[in-house]
Protein backbone atom coordinates (compact mmCIF):
# COMPACT_ATOMS: atom_id res chain seq x y z
CA MET A 1 -16.63 -43.79 -6.31
CA THR A 2 -19.57 -44.04 -3.94
CA ASP A 3 -21.81 -47.10 -3.65
CA THR A 4 -24.67 -45.01 -5.05
CA ALA A 5 -22.63 -44.07 -8.10
CA ALA A 6 -21.51 -47.65 -8.69
CA GLU A 7 -25.11 -48.87 -8.48
CA ALA A 8 -26.17 -46.21 -10.98
CA ILE A 9 -23.46 -47.14 -13.48
CA ALA A 10 -23.90 -50.90 -13.64
CA PRO A 11 -27.38 -51.16 -15.23
CA TRP A 12 -26.61 -48.87 -18.16
CA ASN A 13 -23.68 -51.06 -19.19
CA ALA A 14 -26.22 -53.71 -20.28
CA ASP A 15 -25.77 -54.71 -23.92
CA PRO A 16 -29.27 -53.71 -25.14
CA TYR A 17 -28.69 -50.06 -24.26
CA ALA A 18 -25.22 -49.92 -25.81
CA ASP A 19 -26.45 -51.74 -28.93
CA ALA A 20 -29.39 -49.36 -29.30
CA LEU A 21 -27.11 -46.32 -29.15
CA ARG A 22 -24.71 -47.80 -31.66
CA THR A 23 -27.48 -48.54 -34.17
CA GLY A 24 -29.63 -45.51 -33.32
CA GLN A 25 -32.69 -47.77 -33.11
CA GLY A 26 -34.91 -49.45 -30.54
CA PRO A 27 -36.98 -51.01 -29.31
CA LEU A 28 -35.77 -50.35 -25.79
CA PHE A 29 -37.72 -50.15 -22.53
CA LEU A 30 -37.50 -49.75 -18.80
CA ARG A 31 -39.26 -52.80 -17.35
CA ARG A 32 -40.70 -52.80 -13.84
CA SER A 33 -40.69 -55.99 -11.81
CA ASP A 34 -44.44 -56.35 -12.45
CA GLY A 35 -43.82 -56.42 -16.23
CA TRP A 36 -44.94 -52.83 -16.99
CA LEU A 37 -42.86 -51.29 -19.81
CA LEU A 38 -41.82 -47.66 -20.35
CA PRO A 39 -40.69 -47.10 -23.96
CA LEU A 40 -37.38 -45.28 -24.39
CA GLU A 41 -37.16 -42.94 -27.39
CA VAL A 42 -33.86 -44.15 -28.82
CA GLU A 43 -34.50 -42.84 -32.34
CA ARG A 44 -35.22 -39.31 -31.03
CA TRP A 45 -32.21 -39.41 -28.74
CA CYS A 46 -29.95 -40.36 -31.64
CA ALA A 47 -31.37 -37.72 -34.00
CA SER A 48 -30.57 -34.01 -34.04
CA ALA A 49 -32.05 -31.72 -31.40
CA ASP A 50 -35.70 -30.99 -32.23
CA THR A 51 -37.94 -27.99 -31.60
CA ALA A 52 -38.79 -29.11 -28.07
CA ASP A 53 -35.11 -29.58 -27.25
CA MET A 54 -34.29 -26.14 -28.59
CA SER A 55 -37.00 -24.59 -26.41
CA VAL A 56 -34.89 -25.75 -23.49
CA LEU A 57 -31.41 -25.11 -24.85
CA ARG A 58 -32.13 -21.49 -25.73
CA ARG A 59 -32.89 -20.88 -22.04
CA CYS A 60 -29.48 -22.12 -20.92
CA GLU A 61 -27.20 -19.70 -19.12
CA GLY A 62 -23.43 -19.88 -18.78
CA ALA A 63 -21.59 -23.19 -18.98
CA VAL A 64 -23.91 -26.18 -19.25
CA LEU A 65 -23.70 -29.63 -17.67
CA ASP A 66 -25.85 -32.25 -19.45
CA VAL A 67 -26.56 -35.00 -16.92
CA GLY A 68 -27.21 -38.32 -18.65
CA CYS A 69 -26.17 -36.94 -22.03
CA GLY A 70 -26.93 -40.19 -23.88
CA PRO A 71 -25.77 -40.16 -27.51
CA GLY A 72 -24.95 -36.45 -27.38
CA ARG A 73 -27.52 -34.57 -29.44
CA LEU A 74 -27.94 -31.85 -26.79
CA VAL A 75 -24.19 -31.46 -26.28
CA ALA A 76 -23.75 -31.10 -30.04
CA ALA A 77 -26.59 -28.58 -30.32
CA LEU A 78 -25.29 -26.47 -27.45
CA SER A 79 -21.81 -26.47 -28.95
CA SER A 80 -23.27 -25.17 -32.21
CA LEU A 81 -24.89 -22.34 -30.22
CA GLY A 82 -21.49 -21.41 -28.82
CA ARG A 83 -22.14 -22.70 -25.31
CA ARG A 84 -19.43 -24.33 -23.23
CA VAL A 85 -20.94 -27.72 -22.45
CA LEU A 86 -19.96 -31.00 -20.84
CA GLY A 87 -21.96 -34.21 -21.04
CA ILE A 88 -21.75 -36.96 -18.43
CA ASP A 89 -23.16 -40.45 -18.72
CA VAL A 90 -22.75 -43.81 -17.00
CA SER A 91 -22.72 -45.60 -20.38
CA PRO A 92 -19.38 -45.84 -22.20
CA ALA A 93 -21.30 -46.24 -25.47
CA ALA A 94 -23.13 -42.95 -24.85
CA VAL A 95 -19.91 -41.12 -24.06
CA ALA A 96 -18.22 -42.56 -27.15
CA ARG A 97 -21.08 -41.44 -29.39
CA THR A 98 -21.10 -37.95 -27.87
CA VAL A 99 -17.36 -37.59 -28.41
CA GLY A 100 -17.82 -38.91 -31.95
CA LEU A 101 -20.15 -35.97 -32.62
CA GLY A 102 -17.38 -33.61 -31.59
CA GLY A 103 -18.73 -33.02 -28.07
CA THR A 104 -17.00 -33.23 -24.72
CA ALA A 105 -18.23 -35.96 -22.38
CA LEU A 106 -17.06 -37.95 -19.36
CA HIS A 107 -17.94 -41.45 -18.18
CA ARG A 108 -19.32 -40.37 -14.79
CA SER A 109 -22.39 -40.60 -12.60
CA VAL A 110 -23.91 -37.33 -11.45
CA PHE A 111 -23.07 -38.51 -7.92
CA ASP A 112 -19.36 -38.82 -8.72
CA PRO A 113 -16.95 -35.90 -8.22
CA LEU A 114 -17.30 -33.66 -11.29
CA PRO A 115 -15.40 -30.75 -12.83
CA GLY A 116 -16.63 -27.27 -11.99
CA GLU A 117 -18.78 -28.17 -8.99
CA GLY A 118 -20.57 -25.07 -7.76
CA ARG A 119 -19.80 -23.13 -10.94
CA TRP A 120 -22.14 -24.48 -13.64
CA GLY A 121 -24.55 -21.90 -15.04
CA SER A 122 -27.10 -24.52 -16.12
CA VAL A 123 -27.74 -28.21 -15.47
CA LEU A 124 -29.92 -30.30 -17.79
CA LEU A 125 -32.09 -33.25 -16.72
CA LEU A 126 -33.91 -34.17 -19.93
CA ASP A 127 -35.17 -37.41 -21.49
CA GLY A 128 -36.39 -38.86 -18.20
CA ASN A 129 -33.14 -38.17 -16.35
CA LEU A 130 -35.08 -36.60 -13.50
CA GLY A 131 -35.52 -40.25 -12.51
CA ILE A 132 -31.80 -40.95 -12.02
CA GLY A 133 -31.17 -42.75 -8.74
CA GLY A 134 -34.86 -43.11 -7.93
CA ASP A 135 -34.64 -40.34 -5.31
CA PRO A 136 -35.71 -36.93 -6.68
CA GLU A 137 -34.87 -35.10 -3.47
CA ALA A 138 -31.30 -36.43 -3.44
CA LEU A 139 -30.90 -35.56 -7.14
CA LEU A 140 -32.16 -32.02 -6.59
CA GLU A 141 -29.76 -31.61 -3.69
CA ARG A 142 -26.88 -32.81 -5.85
CA CYS A 143 -27.81 -30.44 -8.68
CA ALA A 144 -27.90 -27.55 -6.22
CA ARG A 145 -24.29 -28.31 -5.29
CA LEU A 146 -23.26 -28.41 -8.94
CA LEU A 147 -24.83 -25.08 -9.91
CA ALA A 148 -23.39 -21.62 -9.42
CA PRO A 149 -25.38 -19.17 -7.26
CA GLN A 150 -28.62 -18.39 -9.09
CA GLY A 151 -27.82 -21.19 -11.53
CA LEU A 152 -30.57 -22.74 -13.63
CA LEU A 153 -31.84 -26.32 -13.53
CA LEU A 154 -33.76 -27.27 -16.67
CA ALA A 155 -35.74 -30.49 -16.23
CA GLU A 156 -38.13 -32.51 -18.36
CA THR A 157 -41.11 -33.84 -16.45
CA SER A 158 -43.63 -36.51 -17.32
CA PRO A 159 -46.70 -35.12 -19.13
CA LEU A 160 -48.71 -37.22 -16.67
CA ASP A 161 -49.45 -36.15 -13.09
CA VAL A 162 -47.29 -38.89 -11.64
CA ASP A 163 -44.95 -39.38 -8.69
CA GLU A 164 -43.54 -42.89 -8.95
CA ARG A 165 -40.48 -44.67 -7.68
CA ALA A 166 -39.73 -48.19 -8.85
CA GLN A 167 -37.08 -50.80 -9.47
CA VAL A 168 -36.56 -51.26 -13.21
CA ARG A 169 -34.23 -52.96 -15.67
CA ILE A 170 -33.26 -52.36 -19.29
CA ASP A 171 -35.27 -54.54 -21.68
CA ASP A 172 -35.03 -54.80 -25.47
CA GLY A 173 -38.64 -55.96 -25.82
CA ARG A 174 -37.61 -59.17 -27.53
CA GLY A 175 -37.56 -61.48 -24.53
CA THR A 176 -33.78 -61.68 -24.61
CA CYS A 177 -31.33 -60.49 -22.00
CA PRO A 178 -27.53 -60.76 -21.89
CA HIS A 179 -27.48 -61.38 -18.14
CA PRO A 180 -28.25 -64.79 -16.63
CA ASP A 181 -30.04 -63.11 -13.71
CA GLY A 182 -32.49 -61.44 -16.10
CA GLY A 183 -30.85 -58.03 -15.99
CA GLN A 184 -29.88 -55.99 -12.95
CA LEU A 185 -32.61 -53.96 -11.27
CA PHE A 186 -31.89 -50.33 -10.44
CA PRO A 187 -33.94 -47.51 -8.86
CA TRP A 188 -35.80 -45.06 -11.10
CA ALA A 189 -38.42 -42.35 -10.67
CA ARG A 190 -41.02 -40.59 -12.80
CA LEU A 191 -42.27 -37.12 -11.86
CA GLY A 192 -44.88 -34.85 -13.32
CA THR A 193 -44.52 -31.09 -12.97
CA ARG A 194 -46.62 -30.86 -9.81
CA ALA A 195 -44.57 -33.57 -8.13
CA LEU A 196 -41.27 -31.91 -9.05
CA LEU A 197 -42.41 -28.58 -7.64
CA ARG A 198 -43.66 -30.34 -4.51
CA TYR A 199 -40.09 -31.49 -3.83
CA ALA A 200 -38.23 -28.45 -5.15
CA LEU A 201 -40.03 -25.47 -3.65
CA PRO A 202 -39.77 -26.52 0.04
CA ALA A 203 -36.05 -27.18 -0.58
CA GLY A 204 -35.59 -23.53 -1.53
CA TRP A 205 -35.65 -23.76 -5.33
CA SER A 206 -37.59 -20.99 -7.07
CA ALA A 207 -39.71 -21.64 -10.14
CA ALA A 208 -38.30 -19.87 -13.21
CA GLY A 209 -40.69 -21.22 -15.86
CA GLN A 210 -42.96 -24.02 -17.01
CA TRP A 211 -43.82 -24.85 -20.62
CA GLU A 212 -44.83 -27.55 -23.05
CA CYS A 213 -43.52 -28.18 -26.56
CA GLY A 214 -43.95 -31.10 -28.91
CA GLY A 215 -45.98 -33.04 -26.39
CA ARG A 216 -43.21 -32.76 -23.78
CA SER A 217 -43.23 -30.85 -20.47
CA PHE A 218 -40.43 -28.80 -18.95
CA VAL A 219 -39.65 -26.88 -15.76
CA ALA A 220 -36.93 -24.32 -15.04
CA LEU A 221 -35.77 -23.90 -11.43
CA ARG A 222 -33.31 -21.47 -9.85
CA ARG A 223 -30.79 -22.80 -7.37
CA PRO A 224 -31.74 -22.27 -3.74
């Protein structure tokens, strides 16, 4: 496993995240070092796929890789649509919950070696997972290597016009933390649609669609 992958895995093993997935309830946040909090939508993640999710899933082509699958609602929904789908997540609790729903999931980082590299028809980066690793260009490059020729990347972007990279930690909002060092910081990013296209198009990706649904924003890109 690479150093990058190991760094990505460690933060999501924090107890607040695992506990939230087990109970299906928050509160849960990403906390920046300056104290700013980004709420994480645990209840939505642990529910069934909603209308906005389905607006993405119905665009999927071929076999689907769900990067950062969380508690597995998208894997379960795609399975019900007859899609071959694999979820990956750095949290054992997320993988366990996905498998408990009848889905297929592996405890892996997107930067680890993965099954089917270069053959996936679609890759999903929803629920803020465009921020994984804090380096959008590196993540886009990795997704390009995972996809088959003309494969489809389906990403959720921030509804804000933002391009931010920061060090964050998992926070339960209650002033408690299981780690004596206050919780391990890890790199994260937030991108609006314009920022994503600013990185993707010069790298050879082609825009295949942009839409909004349920207050959420999405972009489809074709592999370069």
